Amino acid sequence: MMLSEKLKEQRKQCNLPQRKVAAALDIDTATYCKIENGNYSPKREQVIELASILHTDEKELLTLWLADLIKEITEPEKDIANDAMEIVKMR
């Protein structure tokens, strides 16, 4: 599951419309829609706020956020991405 999917799932569980979540983040609804659709990456601080707004685990959301960032960075370099991740694990 990616961050966008988790956010949408949690928002629906909380019965919150996108506009209310967007207002709580002090962003426009269109930007929040892009976050939920996976077309825009929120800032780390926003992910922390979202955990509070949506009553969900902050660490889980941050982990999904970081996974999304790693995927975005490594996608064009699939042939060497695994080797790079192995180096990171050793450090």
PDB file of N, CA and C in Angstrom:
ATOM      1  N   MET A   1       0.847  -1.182   0.000  1.00  0.00           N
ATOM      2  CA  MET A   1       0.000   0.000   0.000  1.00  0.00           C
ATOM      3  C   MET A   1       0.890   1.240   0.000  1.00  0.00           C
ATOM      4  N   MET A   2       0.535   2.186  -0.794  1.00  0.00           N
ATOM      5  CA  MET A   2       1.286   3.440  -0.870  1.00  0.00           C
ATOM      6  C   MET A   2       0.584   4.490   0.013  1.00  0.00           C
ATOM      7  N   LEU A   3       1.277   5.575   0.251  1.00  0.00           N
ATOM      8  CA  LEU A   3       0.758   6.621   1.134  1.00  0.00           C
ATOM      9  C   LEU A   3      -0.593   7.139   0.658  1.00  0.00           C
ATOM     10  N   SER A   4      -0.729   7.399  -0.622  1.00  0.00           N
ATOM     11  CA  SER A   4      -1.979   7.960  -1.144  1.00  0.00           C
ATOM     12  C   SER A   4      -3.164   7.060  -0.820  1.00  0.00           C
ATOM     13  N   GLU A   5      -2.986   5.758  -0.980  1.00  0.00           N
ATOM     14  CA  GLU A   5      -4.059   4.801  -0.693  1.00  0.00           C
ATOM     15  C   GLU A   5      -4.407   4.792   0.793  1.00  0.00           C
ATOM     16  N   LYS A   6      -3.389   4.823   1.621  1.00  0.00           N
ATOM     17  CA  LYS A   6      -3.596   4.810   3.072  1.00  0.00           C
ATOM     18  C   LYS A   6      -4.332   6.065   3.529  1.00  0.00           C
ATOM     19  N   LEU A   7      -3.943   7.213   2.985  1.00  0.00           N
ATOM     20  CA  LEU A   7      -4.598   8.464   3.368  1.00  0.00           C
ATOM     21  C   LEU A   7      -6.075   8.447   2.994  1.00  0.00           C
ATOM     22  N   LYS A   8      -6.362   7.992   1.798  1.00  0.00           N
ATOM     23  CA  LYS A   8      -7.752   7.936   1.344  1.00  0.00           C
ATOM     24  C   LYS A   8      -8.560   6.990   2.228  1.00  0.00           C
ATOM     25  N   GLU A   9      -7.993   5.834   2.521  1.00  0.00           N
ATOM     26  CA  GLU A   9      -8.656   4.844   3.371  1.00  0.00           C
ATOM     27  C   GLU A   9      -8.944   5.421   4.751  1.00  0.00           C
ATOM     28  N   GLN A  10      -7.935   6.051   5.355  1.00  0.00           N
ATOM     29  CA  GLN A  10      -8.093   6.609   6.701  1.00  0.00           C
ATOM     30  C   GLN A  10      -9.086   7.768   6.712  1.00  0.00           C
ATOM     31  N   ARG A  11      -9.029   8.605   5.699  1.00  0.00           N
ATOM     32  CA  ARG A  11      -9.961   9.746   5.633  1.00  0.00           C
ATOM     33  C   ARG A  11     -11.397   9.245   5.578  1.00  0.00           C
ATOM     34  N   LYS A  12     -11.620   8.213   4.763  1.00  0.00           N
ATOM     35  CA  LYS A  12     -12.970   7.663   4.659  1.00  0.00           C
ATOM     36  C   LYS A  12     -13.407   7.026   5.970  1.00  0.00           C
ATOM     37  N   GLN A  13     -12.502   6.354   6.663  1.00  0.00           N
ATOM     38  CA  GLN A  13     -12.833   5.761   7.961  1.00  0.00           C
ATOM     39  C   GLN A  13     -13.218   6.827   8.979  1.00  0.00           C
ATOM     40  N   CYS A  14     -12.609   7.994   8.840  1.00  0.00           N
ATOM     41  CA  CYS A  14     -12.909   9.105   9.749  1.00  0.00           C
ATOM     42  C   CYS A  14     -14.119   9.926   9.286  1.00  0.00           C
ATOM     43  N   ASN A  15     -14.693   9.540   8.149  1.00  0.00           N
ATOM     44  CA  ASN A  15     -15.846  10.257   7.574  1.00  0.00           C
ATOM     45  C   ASN A  15     -15.557  11.741   7.373  1.00  0.00           C
ATOM     46  N   LEU A  16     -14.361  12.026   6.865  1.00  0.00           N
ATOM     47  CA  LEU A  16     -13.972  13.407   6.607  1.00  0.00           C
ATOM     48  C   LEU A  16     -13.950  13.668   5.097  1.00  0.00           C
ATOM     49  N   PRO A  17     -14.529  14.771   4.658  1.00  0.00           N
ATOM     50  CA  PRO A  17     -14.390  15.118   3.246  1.00  0.00           C
ATOM     51  C   PRO A  17     -12.982  15.657   2.967  1.00  0.00           C
ATOM     52  N   GLN A  18     -12.564  15.555   1.746  1.00  0.00           N
ATOM     53  CA  GLN A  18     -11.229  16.042   1.375  1.00  0.00           C
ATOM     54  C   GLN A  18     -11.051  17.509   1.734  1.00  0.00           C
ATOM     55  N   ARG A  19     -12.090  18.304   1.576  1.00  0.00           N
ATOM     56  CA  ARG A  19     -11.971  19.744   1.849  1.00  0.00           C
ATOM     57  C   ARG A  19     -11.640  20.026   3.314  1.00  0.00           C
ATOM     58  N   LYS A  20     -12.157  19.195   4.227  1.00  0.00           N
ATOM     59  CA  LYS A  20     -11.853  19.391   5.659  1.00  0.00           C
ATOM     60  C   LYS A  20     -10.405  19.029   5.972  1.00  0.00           C
ATOM     61  N   VAL A  21      -9.923  17.958   5.366  1.00  0.00           N
ATOM     62  CA  VAL A  21      -8.527  17.573   5.572  1.00  0.00           C
ATOM     63  C   VAL A  21      -7.615  18.644   4.978  1.00  0.00           C
ATOM     64  N   ALA A  22      -7.962  19.107   3.786  1.00  0.00           N
ATOM     65  CA  ALA A  22      -7.177  20.159   3.141  1.00  0.00           C
ATOM     66  C   ALA A  22      -7.144  21.419   4.005  1.00  0.00           C
ATOM     67  N   ALA A  23      -8.279  21.799   4.544  1.00  0.00           N
ATOM     68  CA  ALA A  23      -8.341  22.993   5.399  1.00  0.00           C
ATOM     69  C   ALA A  23      -7.472  22.821   6.639  1.00  0.00           C
ATOM     70  N   ALA A  24      -7.499  21.633   7.215  1.00  0.00           N
ATOM     71  CA  ALA A  24      -6.678  21.375   8.409  1.00  0.00           C
ATOM     72  C   ALA A  24      -5.188  21.468   8.089  1.00  0.00           C
ATOM     73  N   LEU A  25      -4.818  21.137   6.849  1.00  0.00           N
ATOM     74  CA  LEU A  25      -3.416  21.234   6.419  1.00  0.00           C
ATOM     75  C   LEU A  25      -3.064  22.623   5.898  1.00  0.00           C
ATOM     76  N   ASP A  26      -4.078  23.475   5.767  1.00  0.00           N
ATOM     77  CA  ASP A  26      -3.917  24.818   5.209  1.00  0.00           C
ATOM     78  C   ASP A  26      -3.433  24.764   3.759  1.00  0.00           C
ATOM     79  N   ILE A  27      -4.033  23.845   2.992  1.00  0.00           N
ATOM     80  CA  ILE A  27      -3.781  23.753   1.549  1.00  0.00           C
ATOM     81  C   ILE A  27      -5.132  23.717   0.855  1.00  0.00           C
ATOM     82  N   ASP A  28      -5.146  23.952  -0.450  1.00  0.00           N
ATOM     83  CA  ASP A  28      -6.426  23.899  -1.147  1.00  0.00           C
ATOM     84  C   ASP A  28      -6.829  22.451  -1.413  1.00  0.00           C
ATOM     85  N   THR A  29      -8.111  22.269  -1.644  1.00  0.00           N
ATOM     86  CA  THR A  29      -8.661  20.926  -1.842  1.00  0.00           C
ATOM     87  C   THR A  29      -8.032  20.240  -3.051  1.00  0.00           C
ATOM     88  N   ALA A  30      -7.776  20.992  -4.110  1.00  0.00           N
ATOM     89  CA  ALA A  30      -7.175  20.408  -5.314  1.00  0.00           C
ATOM     90  C   ALA A  30      -5.807  19.803  -5.013  1.00  0.00           C
ATOM     91  N   THR A  31      -5.032  20.471  -4.191  1.00  0.00           N
ATOM     92  CA  THR A  31      -3.712  19.948  -3.817  1.00  0.00           C
ATOM     93  C   THR A  31      -3.860  18.672  -2.998  1.00  0.00           C
ATOM     94  N   TYR A  32      -4.817  18.679  -2.066  1.00  0.00           N
ATOM     95  CA  TYR A  32      -5.018  17.462  -1.281  1.00  0.00           C
ATOM     96  C   TYR A  32      -5.494  16.309  -2.173  1.00  0.00           C
ATOM     97  N   CYS A  33      -6.345  16.606  -3.135  1.00  0.00           N
ATOM     98  CA  CYS A  33      -6.793  15.564  -4.087  1.00  0.00           C
ATOM     99  C   CYS A  33      -5.592  14.966  -4.821  1.00  0.00           C
ATOM    100  N   LYS A  34      -4.645  15.809  -5.189  1.00  0.00           N
ATOM    101  CA  LYS A  34      -3.434  15.328  -5.868  1.00  0.00           C
ATOM    102  C   LYS A  34      -2.629  14.411  -4.941  1.00  0.00           C
ATOM    103  N   ILE A  35      -2.586  14.718  -3.667  1.00  0.00           N
ATOM    104  CA  ILE A  35      -1.890  13.863  -2.700  1.00  0.00           C
ATOM    105  C   ILE A  35      -2.569  12.500  -2.659  1.00  0.00           C
ATOM    106  N   GLU A  36      -3.890  12.490  -2.540  1.00  0.00           N
ATOM    107  CA  GLU A  36      -4.615  11.217  -2.470  1.00  0.00           C
ATOM    108  C   GLU A  36      -4.541  10.420  -3.772  1.00  0.00           C
ATOM    109  N   ASN A  37      -4.366  11.120  -4.888  1.00  0.00           N
ATOM    110  CA  ASN A  37      -4.266  10.434  -6.176  1.00  0.00           C
ATOM    111  C   ASN A  37      -2.834  10.015  -6.494  1.00  0.00           C
ATOM    112  N   GLY A  38      -1.897  10.381  -5.616  1.00  0.00           N
ATOM    113  CA  GLY A  38      -0.500  10.021  -5.828  1.00  0.00           C
ATOM    114  C   GLY A  38       0.216  10.896  -6.836  1.00  0.00           C
ATOM    115  N   ASN A  39      -0.353  12.066  -7.129  1.00  0.00           N
ATOM    116  CA  ASN A  39       0.245  12.984  -8.103  1.00  0.00           C
ATOM    117  C   ASN A  39       1.041  14.115  -7.470  1.00  0.00           C
ATOM    118  N   TYR A  40       1.082  14.138  -6.157  1.00  0.00           N
ATOM    119  CA  TYR A  40       1.803  15.189  -5.430  1.00  0.00           C
ATOM    120  C   TYR A  40       2.280  14.593  -4.112  1.00  0.00           C
ATOM    121  N   SER A  41       3.526  14.847  -3.792  1.00  0.00           N
ATOM    122  CA  SER A  41       4.092  14.320  -2.554  1.00  0.00           C
ATOM    123  C   SER A  41       4.007  15.379  -1.451  1.00  0.00           C
ATOM    124  N   PRO A  42       3.364  15.046  -0.344  1.00  0.00           N
ATOM    125  CA  PRO A  42       3.308  16.014   0.754  1.00  0.00           C
ATOM    126  C   PRO A  42       4.672  16.158   1.417  1.00  0.00           C
ATOM    127  N   LYS A  43       4.826  17.254   2.118  1.00  0.00           N
ATOM    128  CA  LYS A  43       6.042  17.469   2.898  1.00  0.00           C
ATOM    129  C   LYS A  43       5.974  16.586   4.146  1.00  0.00           C
ATOM    130  N   ARG A  44       7.141  16.319   4.708  1.00  0.00           N
ATOM    131  CA  ARG A  44       7.215  15.472   5.901  1.00  0.00           C
ATOM    132  C   ARG A  44       6.329  16.016   7.018  1.00  0.00           C
ATOM    133  N   GLU A  45       6.355  17.323   7.221  1.00  0.00           N
ATOM    134  CA  GLU A  45       5.560  17.949   8.273  1.00  0.00           C
ATOM    135  C   GLU A  45       4.071  17.721   8.038  1.00  0.00           C
ATOM    136  N   GLN A  46       3.671  17.739   6.767  1.00  0.00           N
ATOM    137  CA  GLN A  46       2.267  17.513   6.445  1.00  0.00           C
ATOM    138  C   GLN A  46       1.863  16.065   6.747  1.00  0.00           C
ATOM    139  N   VAL A  47       2.766  15.137   6.519  1.00  0.00           N
ATOM    140  CA  VAL A  47       2.481  13.734   6.817  1.00  0.00           C
ATOM    141  C   VAL A  47       2.254  13.564   8.318  1.00  0.00           C
ATOM    142  N   ILE A  48       3.060  14.229   9.118  1.00  0.00           N
ATOM    143  CA  ILE A  48       2.898  14.174  10.576  1.00  0.00           C
ATOM    144  C   ILE A  48       1.546  14.758  10.981  1.00  0.00           C
ATOM    145  N   GLU A  49       1.174  15.885  10.372  1.00  0.00           N
ATOM    146  CA  GLU A  49      -0.127  16.491  10.640  1.00  0.00           C
ATOM    147  C   GLU A  49      -1.263  15.557  10.227  1.00  0.00           C
ATOM    148  N   LEU A  50      -1.096  14.913   9.078  1.00  0.00           N
ATOM    149  CA  LEU A  50      -2.125  13.997   8.585  1.00  0.00           C
ATOM    150  C   LEU A  50      -2.349  12.837   9.550  1.00  0.00           C
ATOM    151  N   ALA A  51      -1.283  12.343  10.145  1.00  0.00           N
ATOM    152  CA  ALA A  51      -1.423  11.260  11.124  1.00  0.00           C
ATOM    153  C   ALA A  51      -2.324  11.703  12.275  1.00  0.00           C
ATOM    154  N   SER A  52      -2.152  12.912  12.709  1.00  0.00           N
ATOM    155  CA  SER A  52      -2.973  13.440  13.800  1.00  0.00           C
ATOM    156  C   SER A  52      -4.415  13.670  13.339  1.00  0.00           C
ATOM    157  N   ILE A  53      -4.587  14.285  12.197  1.00  0.00           N
ATOM    158  CA  ILE A  53      -5.922  14.585  11.655  1.00  0.00           C
ATOM    159  C   ILE A  53      -6.722  13.303  11.433  1.00  0.00           C
ATOM    160  N   LEU A  54      -6.046  12.288  10.909  1.00  0.00           N
ATOM    161  CA  LEU A  54      -6.728  11.049  10.526  1.00  0.00           C
ATOM    162  C   LEU A  54      -6.657   9.963  11.606  1.00  0.00           C
ATOM    163  N   HIS A  55      -6.123  10.321  12.774  1.00  0.00           N
ATOM    164  CA  HIS A  55      -6.043   9.395  13.912  1.00  0.00           C
ATOM    165  C   HIS A  55      -5.403   8.064  13.511  1.00  0.00           C
ATOM    166  N   THR A  56      -4.225   8.173  12.926  1.00  0.00           N
ATOM    167  CA  THR A  56      -3.517   6.975  12.491  1.00  0.00           C
ATOM    168  C   THR A  56      -2.058   7.039  12.938  1.00  0.00           C
ATOM    169  N   ASP A  57      -1.357   5.955  12.752  1.00  0.00           N
ATOM    170  CA  ASP A  57       0.012   5.831  13.229  1.00  0.00           C
ATOM    171  C   ASP A  57       0.981   6.699  12.407  1.00  0.00           C
ATOM    172  N   GLU A  58       1.635   7.618  13.082  1.00  0.00           N
ATOM    173  CA  GLU A  58       2.584   8.527  12.431  1.00  0.00           C
ATOM    174  C   GLU A  58       3.730   7.773  11.769  1.00  0.00           C
ATOM    175  N   LYS A  59       4.280   6.799  12.468  1.00  0.00           N
ATOM    176  CA  LYS A  59       5.410   6.039  11.919  1.00  0.00           C
ATOM    177  C   LYS A  59       5.007   5.307  10.635  1.00  0.00           C
ATOM    178  N   GLU A  60       3.825   4.742  10.627  1.00  0.00           N
ATOM    179  CA  GLU A  60       3.360   4.048   9.423  1.00  0.00           C
ATOM    180  C   GLU A  60       3.243   5.003   8.239  1.00  0.00           C
ATOM    181  N   LEU A  61       2.649   6.175   8.469  1.00  0.00           N
ATOM    182  CA  LEU A  61       2.516   7.151   7.383  1.00  0.00           C
ATOM    183  C   LEU A  61       3.875   7.643   6.908  1.00  0.00           C
ATOM    184  N   LEU A  62       4.782   7.900   7.842  1.00  0.00           N
ATOM    185  CA  LEU A  62       6.118   8.353   7.444  1.00  0.00           C
ATOM    186  C   LEU A  62       6.866   7.263   6.676  1.00  0.00           C
ATOM    187  N   THR A  63       6.668   6.014   7.056  1.00  0.00           N
ATOM    188  CA  THR A  63       7.305   4.907   6.344  1.00  0.00           C
ATOM    189  C   THR A  63       6.776   4.824   4.914  1.00  0.00           C
ATOM    190  N   LEU A  64       5.468   4.946   4.755  1.00  0.00           N
ATOM    191  CA  LEU A  64       4.879   4.927   3.409  1.00  0.00           C
ATOM    192  C   LEU A  64       5.344   6.130   2.592  1.00  0.00           C
ATOM    193  N   TRP A  65       5.443   7.280   3.236  1.00  0.00           N
ATOM    194  CA  TRP A  65       5.915   8.500   2.567  1.00  0.00           C
ATOM    195  C   TRP A  65       7.342   8.310   2.058  1.00  0.00           C
ATOM    196  N   LEU A  66       8.202   7.769   2.910  1.00  0.00           N
ATOM    197  CA  LEU A  66       9.593   7.541   2.524  1.00  0.00           C
ATOM    198  C   LEU A  66       9.682   6.492   1.410  1.00  0.00           C
ATOM    199  N   ALA A  67       8.876   5.455   1.502  1.00  0.00           N
ATOM    200  CA  ALA A  67       8.854   4.431   0.452  1.00  0.00           C
ATOM    201  C   ALA A  67       8.463   5.039  -0.895  1.00  0.00           C
ATOM    202  N   ASP A  68       7.486   5.941  -0.866  1.00  0.00           N
ATOM    203  CA  ASP A  68       7.091   6.626  -2.100  1.00  0.00           C
ATOM    204  C   ASP A  68       8.246   7.439  -2.679  1.00  0.00           C
ATOM    205  N   LEU A  69       8.954   8.158  -1.800  1.00  0.00           N
ATOM    206  CA  LEU A  69      10.090   8.963  -2.257  1.00  0.00           C
ATOM    207  C   LEU A  69      11.189   8.089  -2.848  1.00  0.00           C
ATOM    208  N   ILE A  70      11.486   6.996  -2.188  1.00  0.00           N
ATOM    209  CA  ILE A  70      12.515   6.084  -2.680  1.00  0.00           C
ATOM    210  C   ILE A  70      12.114   5.517  -4.035  1.00  0.00           C
ATOM    211  N   LYS A  71      10.857   5.128  -4.154  1.00  0.00           N
ATOM    212  CA  LYS A  71      10.368   4.591  -5.430  1.00  0.00           C
ATOM    213  C   LYS A  71      10.514   5.630  -6.540  1.00  0.00           C
ATOM    214  N   GLU A  72      10.128   6.868  -6.248  1.00  0.00           N
ATOM    215  CA  GLU A  72      10.205   7.939  -7.242  1.00  0.00           C
ATOM    216  C   GLU A  72      11.649   8.172  -7.706  1.00  0.00           C
ATOM    217  N   ILE A  73      12.569   8.133  -6.766  1.00  0.00           N
ATOM    218  CA  ILE A  73      13.977   8.377  -7.088  1.00  0.00           C
ATOM    219  C   ILE A  73      14.586   7.207  -7.848  1.00  0.00           C
ATOM    220  N   THR A  74      14.235   5.994  -7.453  1.00  0.00           N
ATOM    221  CA  THR A  74      14.883   4.814  -8.028  1.00  0.00           C
ATOM    222  C   THR A  74      14.205   4.294  -9.290  1.00  0.00           C
ATOM    223  N   GLU A  75      12.985   4.692  -9.554  1.00  0.00           N
ATOM    224  CA  GLU A  75      12.236   4.182 -10.711  1.00  0.00           C
ATOM    225  C   GLU A  75      13.012   4.294 -12.025  1.00  0.00           C
ATOM    226  N   PRO A  76      13.627   5.443 -12.316  1.00  0.00           N
ATOM    227  CA  PRO A  76      14.353   5.545 -13.594  1.00  0.00           C
ATOM    228  C   PRO A  76      15.648   4.722 -13.625  1.00  0.00           C
ATOM    229  N   GLU A  77      16.102   4.276 -12.480  1.00  0.00           N
ATOM    230  CA  GLU A  77      17.368   3.539 -12.380  1.00  0.00           C
ATOM    231  C   GLU A  77      17.148   2.126 -11.842  1.00  0.00           C
ATOM    232  N   LYS A  78      16.108   1.470 -12.305  1.00  0.00           N
ATOM    233  CA  LYS A  78      15.753   0.145 -11.779  1.00  0.00           C
ATOM    234  C   LYS A  78      16.912  -0.850 -11.832  1.00  0.00           C
ATOM    235  N   ASP A  79      17.731  -0.733 -12.860  1.00  0.00           N
ATOM    236  CA  ASP A  79      18.809  -1.701 -13.041  1.00  0.00           C
ATOM    237  C   ASP A  79      19.877  -1.628 -11.947  1.00  0.00           C
ATOM    238  N   ILE A  80      20.018  -0.486 -11.299  1.00  0.00           N
ATOM    239  CA  ILE A  80      21.034  -0.358 -10.244  1.00  0.00           C
ATOM    240  C   ILE A  80      20.436  -0.050  -8.867  1.00  0.00           C
ATOM    241  N   ALA A  81      19.113   0.127  -8.810  1.00  0.00           N
ATOM    242  CA  ALA A  81      18.459   0.520  -7.558  1.00  0.00           C
ATOM    243  C   ALA A  81      18.662  -0.510  -6.446  1.00  0.00           C
ATOM    244  N   ASN A  82      18.530  -1.780  -6.770  1.00  0.00           N
ATOM    245  CA  ASN A  82      18.697  -2.813  -5.734  1.00  0.00           C
ATOM    246  C   ASN A  82      20.110  -2.825  -5.177  1.00  0.00           C
ATOM    247  N   ASP A  83      21.106  -2.654  -6.047  1.00  0.00           N
ATOM    248  CA  ASP A  83      22.489  -2.600  -5.576  1.00  0.00           C
ATOM    249  C   ASP A  83      22.693  -1.407  -4.638  1.00  0.00           C
ATOM    250  N   ALA A  84      22.101  -0.275  -5.003  1.00  0.00           N
ATOM    251  CA  ALA A  84      22.225   0.914  -4.162  1.00  0.00           C
ATOM    252  C   ALA A  84      21.562   0.693  -2.805  1.00  0.00           C
ATOM    253  N   MET A  85      20.404   0.031  -2.790  1.00  0.00           N
ATOM    254  CA  MET A  85      19.711  -0.229  -1.535  1.00  0.00           C
ATOM    255  C   MET A  85      20.503  -1.176  -0.645  1.00  0.00           C
ATOM    256  N   GLU A  86      21.203  -2.111  -1.236  1.00  0.00           N
ATOM    257  CA  GLU A  86      22.053  -3.026  -0.455  1.00  0.00           C
ATOM    258  C   GLU A  86      23.187  -2.259   0.220  1.00  0.00           C
ATOM    259  N   ILE A  87      23.749  -1.282  -0.484  1.00  0.00           N
ATOM    260  CA  ILE A  87      24.815  -0.458   0.101  1.00  0.00           C
ATOM    261  C   ILE A  87      24.264   0.328   1.280  1.00  0.00           C
ATOM    262  N   VAL A  88      23.058   0.884   1.116  1.00  0.00           N
ATOM    263  CA  VAL A  88      22.428   1.650   2.188  1.00  0.00           C
ATOM    264  C   VAL A  88      22.218   0.756   3.414  1.00  0.00           C
ATOM    265  N   LYS A  89      21.774  -0.475   3.212  1.00  0.00           N
ATOM    266  CA  LYS A  89      21.524  -1.405   4.321  1.00  0.00           C
ATOM    267  C   LYS A  89      22.806  -1.698   5.102  1.00  0.00           C
ATOM    268  N   MET A  90      23.943  -1.707   4.422  1.00  0.00           N
ATOM    269  CA  MET A  90      25.216  -2.030   5.089  1.00  0.00           C
ATOM    270  C   MET A  90      25.732  -0.884   5.940  1.00  0.00           C
ATOM    271  N   ARG A  91      25.258   0.292   5.738  1.00  0.00           N
ATOM    272  CA  ARG A  91      25.760   1.463   6.469  1.00  0.00           C
ATOM    273  C   ARG A  91      25.043   1.720   7.726  1.00  0.00           C
TER     274      ARG A  91
END
